[in-house]
Amino acid sequence: MASYPVFLNDQRTGKPVAAELLDRIDEVHLRAVETDWIPQIINHIRQLIDQGQPRQTWPQSWHWNWRDKMDRINGLLAFQTFAIMCEGQLQGLMQMNSARSLCRLPEQAGKHLAYVDYVETAPWNRPNIVSKPRFRGVGITMIRAAIEHSRDLGFHGRVGLHSLPQSETFYANCGMTDLGIDGTYENLRYFEMTSSQADALSG
């Protein structure tokens, strides 16, 4: 497993803190999801239910099972996974697929891209779960990792993904192009990144 130094912003101090980007999700990460992430997410959902909040307010990735996701892609070369660790805790996960789809934007239609199947940050980093998120920068670090993976594949930074509604603003702020609701994929909004957009984000 390769490790790359990255930085997150500690919301408690406003200062950057060193973190690690790892190029594989392993058993330690899956256990962290099950013991650290899931209980906090479930507790938050219970609070929303007690407050009479509608289901639309629940974290939209609440039903994701990362262990099942990893089991389904075990041994398949088209898939790449990433994890971010900081201060001894798992801060984010991402799964990518290099054989899923082709570009849809007219200027790059038909070219290969790296597709982000799933990306998730720890519940304590998410403003829709906690009032004071602990770290910022997990999501943008993952998108930059997706860009680098695309480049490694010879796809020149081209990336595509379908966004959960709660994450649409984030991907738009990353500079990705919004191609609208995809009726063939759970009515989720599809975003795509060009090589020039990737260059702008990765700096």
Protein backbone atom coordinates (compact mmCIF):
# COMPACT_ATOMS: atom_id res chain seq x y z
CA MET A 1 0.00 0.00 0.00
CA ALA A 2 1.41 3.37 -1.03
CA SER A 3 1.05 6.43 1.17
CA TYR A 4 1.11 10.08 0.05
CA PRO A 5 1.36 13.14 2.31
CA VAL A 6 -1.63 15.50 2.16
CA PHE A 7 -3.01 18.24 4.38
CA LEU A 8 -6.43 18.84 5.89
CA ASN A 9 -7.65 21.98 7.63
CA ASP A 10 -8.25 21.52 11.35
CA GLN A 11 -11.45 23.45 12.06
CA ARG A 12 -10.57 23.67 15.75
CA THR A 13 -7.40 25.67 15.11
CA GLY A 14 -7.86 26.93 11.55
CA LYS A 15 -4.46 25.49 10.69
CA PRO A 16 -3.39 22.76 8.25
CA VAL A 17 -2.59 19.36 9.71
CA ALA A 18 -0.65 16.53 8.10
CA ALA A 19 -2.62 13.53 6.83
CA GLU A 20 -2.02 10.43 4.69
CA LEU A 21 -3.66 9.47 1.41
CA LEU A 22 -3.51 5.67 1.03
CA ASP A 23 -4.07 3.93 -2.30
CA ARG A 24 -6.08 1.03 -0.91
CA ILE A 25 -8.98 0.49 1.46
CA ASP A 26 -8.06 -2.33 3.82
CA GLU A 27 -9.56 -4.18 6.78
CA VAL A 28 -8.50 -1.51 9.27
CA HIS A 29 -10.47 1.10 7.35
CA LEU A 30 -13.56 -1.09 7.06
CA ARG A 31 -13.53 -1.74 10.80
CA ALA A 32 -13.22 1.99 11.43
CA VAL A 33 -16.35 2.59 9.34
CA GLU A 34 -18.24 -0.05 11.30
CA THR A 35 -17.08 1.02 14.78
CA ASP A 36 -16.62 4.79 14.39
CA TRP A 37 -18.66 6.07 11.44
CA ILE A 38 -21.86 4.01 11.47
CA PRO A 39 -22.80 4.53 15.15
CA GLN A 40 -22.49 8.30 14.78
CA ILE A 41 -24.55 8.32 11.59
CA ILE A 42 -27.26 6.13 13.15
CA ASN A 43 -27.37 8.36 16.24
CA HIS A 44 -27.79 11.43 14.04
CA ILE A 45 -30.64 9.80 12.11
CA ARG A 46 -32.37 8.91 15.39
CA GLN A 47 -32.13 12.54 16.46
CA LEU A 48 -33.68 13.66 13.16
CA ILE A 49 -36.52 11.14 13.61
CA ASP A 50 -37.12 12.37 17.17
CA GLN A 51 -37.29 15.92 15.82
CA GLY A 52 -39.84 14.89 13.21
CA GLN A 53 -37.50 15.71 10.34
CA PRO A 54 -38.31 14.16 6.92
CA ARG A 55 -36.22 11.37 5.44
CA GLN A 56 -34.78 13.81 2.87
CA THR A 57 -32.73 15.37 5.68
CA TRP A 58 -30.95 12.11 6.50
CA PRO A 59 -27.33 11.76 5.33
CA GLN A 60 -27.91 10.34 1.85
CA SER A 61 -25.07 7.83 2.10
CA TRP A 62 -26.45 6.35 5.33
CA HIS A 63 -27.22 2.99 3.67
CA TRP A 64 -23.79 2.52 2.06
CA ASN A 65 -21.99 -0.62 3.16
CA TRP A 66 -18.30 -0.24 2.42
CA ARG A 67 -17.46 -3.83 3.29
CA ASP A 68 -19.96 -5.08 0.72
CA LYS A 69 -18.57 -2.63 -1.83
CA MET A 70 -15.04 -3.91 -1.30
CA ASP A 71 -16.17 -7.54 -1.49
CA ARG A 72 -17.84 -6.90 -4.84
CA ILE A 73 -14.70 -5.48 -6.45
CA ASN A 74 -12.14 -7.78 -4.83
CA GLY A 75 -9.59 -8.85 -7.44
CA LEU A 76 -11.05 -6.69 -10.23
CA LEU A 77 -8.27 -4.65 -11.83
CA ALA A 78 -10.55 -1.88 -13.12
CA PHE A 79 -11.17 -0.62 -9.59
CA GLN A 80 -8.99 1.60 -7.41
CA THR A 81 -9.69 2.61 -3.82
CA PHE A 82 -8.33 5.35 -1.56
CA ALA A 83 -8.45 6.20 2.14
CA ILE A 84 -7.41 9.28 4.11
CA MET A 85 -6.04 8.95 7.64
CA CYS A 86 -5.38 11.84 10.01
CA GLU A 87 -4.58 11.83 13.73
CA GLY A 88 -5.04 8.07 13.82
CA GLN A 89 -8.60 8.15 12.47
CA LEU A 90 -10.17 7.37 9.12
CA GLN A 91 -11.32 10.63 7.53
CA GLY A 92 -12.51 9.56 4.06
CA LEU A 93 -12.92 6.77 1.51
CA MET A 94 -13.25 6.63 -2.28
CA GLN A 95 -13.83 3.92 -4.89
CA MET A 96 -13.07 4.49 -8.58
CA ASN A 97 -13.71 2.55 -11.77
CA SER A 98 -11.51 2.95 -14.85
CA ALA A 99 -13.69 0.86 -17.17
CA ARG A 100 -17.17 2.19 -16.44
CA SER A 101 -17.95 4.90 -18.96
CA LEU A 102 -16.88 7.38 -21.61
CA CYS A 103 -17.00 11.17 -21.56
CA ARG A 104 -20.28 12.89 -22.40
CA LEU A 105 -19.22 16.53 -22.74
CA PRO A 106 -19.15 17.49 -26.44
CA GLU A 107 -15.51 18.65 -26.33
CA GLN A 108 -14.36 15.25 -25.05
CA ALA A 109 -17.21 12.93 -26.01
CA GLY A 110 -16.18 9.32 -26.45
CA LYS A 111 -12.87 9.64 -24.60
CA HIS A 112 -12.14 7.53 -21.54
CA LEU A 113 -12.47 8.95 -18.05
CA ALA A 114 -11.93 7.76 -14.49
CA TYR A 115 -15.33 7.33 -12.83
CA VAL A 116 -15.86 7.93 -9.11
CA ASP A 117 -18.25 5.25 -7.87
CA TYR A 118 -18.36 6.39 -4.25
CA VAL A 119 -16.69 8.98 -2.05
CA GLU A 120 -17.53 9.63 1.59
CA THR A 121 -16.07 11.61 4.45
CA ALA A 122 -16.24 10.75 8.14
CA PRO A 123 -19.45 11.92 9.87
CA TRP A 124 -17.59 14.29 12.20
CA ASN A 125 -16.38 16.23 9.13
CA ARG A 126 -19.84 16.76 7.66
CA PRO A 127 -21.78 19.97 8.40
CA ASN A 128 -25.09 18.21 7.76
CA ILE A 129 -24.30 15.87 10.68
CA VAL A 130 -22.32 17.95 13.19
CA SER A 131 -22.52 21.66 14.02
CA LYS A 132 -18.73 22.03 14.15
CA PRO A 133 -16.96 19.80 11.58
CA ARG A 134 -13.52 18.64 12.65
CA PHE A 135 -11.61 18.67 9.36
CA ARG A 136 -12.14 20.36 6.01
CA GLY A 137 -10.53 19.29 2.78
CA VAL A 138 -11.26 15.56 2.69
CA GLY A 139 -13.57 15.82 -0.33
CA ILE A 140 -11.30 18.09 -2.36
CA THR A 141 -8.31 15.87 -1.55
CA MET A 142 -10.21 12.87 -2.88
CA ILE A 143 -11.17 14.66 -6.10
CA ARG A 144 -7.56 15.66 -6.61
CA ALA A 145 -6.58 12.02 -6.04
CA ALA A 146 -9.17 11.03 -8.67
CA ILE A 147 -7.58 13.50 -11.09
CA GLU A 148 -4.11 12.04 -10.49
CA HIS A 149 -5.44 8.51 -10.94
CA SER A 150 -7.02 9.59 -14.23
CA ARG A 151 -3.68 10.99 -15.35
CA ASP A 152 -1.90 7.79 -14.34
CA LEU A 153 -4.32 5.89 -16.57
CA GLY A 154 -3.58 8.20 -19.50
CA PHE A 155 -6.99 9.92 -19.25
CA HIS A 156 -5.47 13.40 -18.72
CA GLY A 157 -7.41 14.20 -15.57
CA ARG A 158 -10.87 13.50 -16.98
CA VAL A 159 -13.25 12.42 -14.21
CA GLY A 160 -16.98 11.68 -14.06
CA LEU A 161 -19.44 10.91 -11.29
CA HIS A 162 -23.09 10.90 -10.26
CA SER A 163 -23.72 13.04 -7.21
CA LEU A 164 -26.05 12.56 -4.28
CA PRO A 165 -28.26 15.67 -4.06
CA GLN A 166 -26.61 16.81 -0.82
CA SER A 167 -23.21 16.89 -2.57
CA GLU A 168 -24.13 18.68 -5.81
CA THR A 169 -22.91 22.10 -4.67
CA PHE A 170 -19.55 20.64 -3.68
CA TYR A 171 -18.88 19.15 -7.13
CA ALA A 172 -20.00 22.34 -8.83
CA ASN A 173 -17.55 24.26 -6.63
CA CYS A 174 -14.82 21.85 -7.74
CA GLY A 175 -15.30 23.25 -11.23
CA MET A 176 -16.94 20.17 -12.70
CA THR A 177 -19.54 20.58 -15.44
CA ASP A 178 -23.13 19.81 -14.45
CA LEU A 179 -24.75 17.73 -17.20
CA GLY A 180 -28.10 17.49 -15.44
CA ILE A 181 -30.22 14.69 -14.03
CA ASP A 182 -29.44 11.26 -15.47
CA GLY A 183 -32.70 9.33 -15.78
CA THR A 184 -30.76 6.14 -16.45
CA TYR A 185 -28.90 6.30 -13.14
CA GLU A 186 -31.26 6.68 -10.16
CA ASN A 187 -32.14 10.22 -11.32
CA LEU A 188 -28.86 11.49 -9.90
CA ARG A 189 -27.11 14.53 -11.33
CA TYR A 190 -24.09 13.74 -13.50
CA PHE A 191 -20.91 15.81 -13.30
CA GLU A 192 -17.88 15.62 -15.57
CA MET A 193 -14.43 17.19 -15.41
CA THR A 194 -12.35 18.14 -18.43
CA SER A 195 -8.57 18.12 -18.56
CA SER A 196 -8.47 21.91 -18.25
CA GLN A 197 -10.84 21.85 -15.27
CA ALA A 198 -8.62 19.20 -13.68
CA ASP A 199 -5.55 21.37 -14.23
CA ALA A 200 -7.31 24.33 -12.60
CA LEU A 201 -8.29 22.31 -9.52
CA SER A 202 -5.03 20.44 -9.05
CA GLY A 203 -2.99 23.58 -9.56
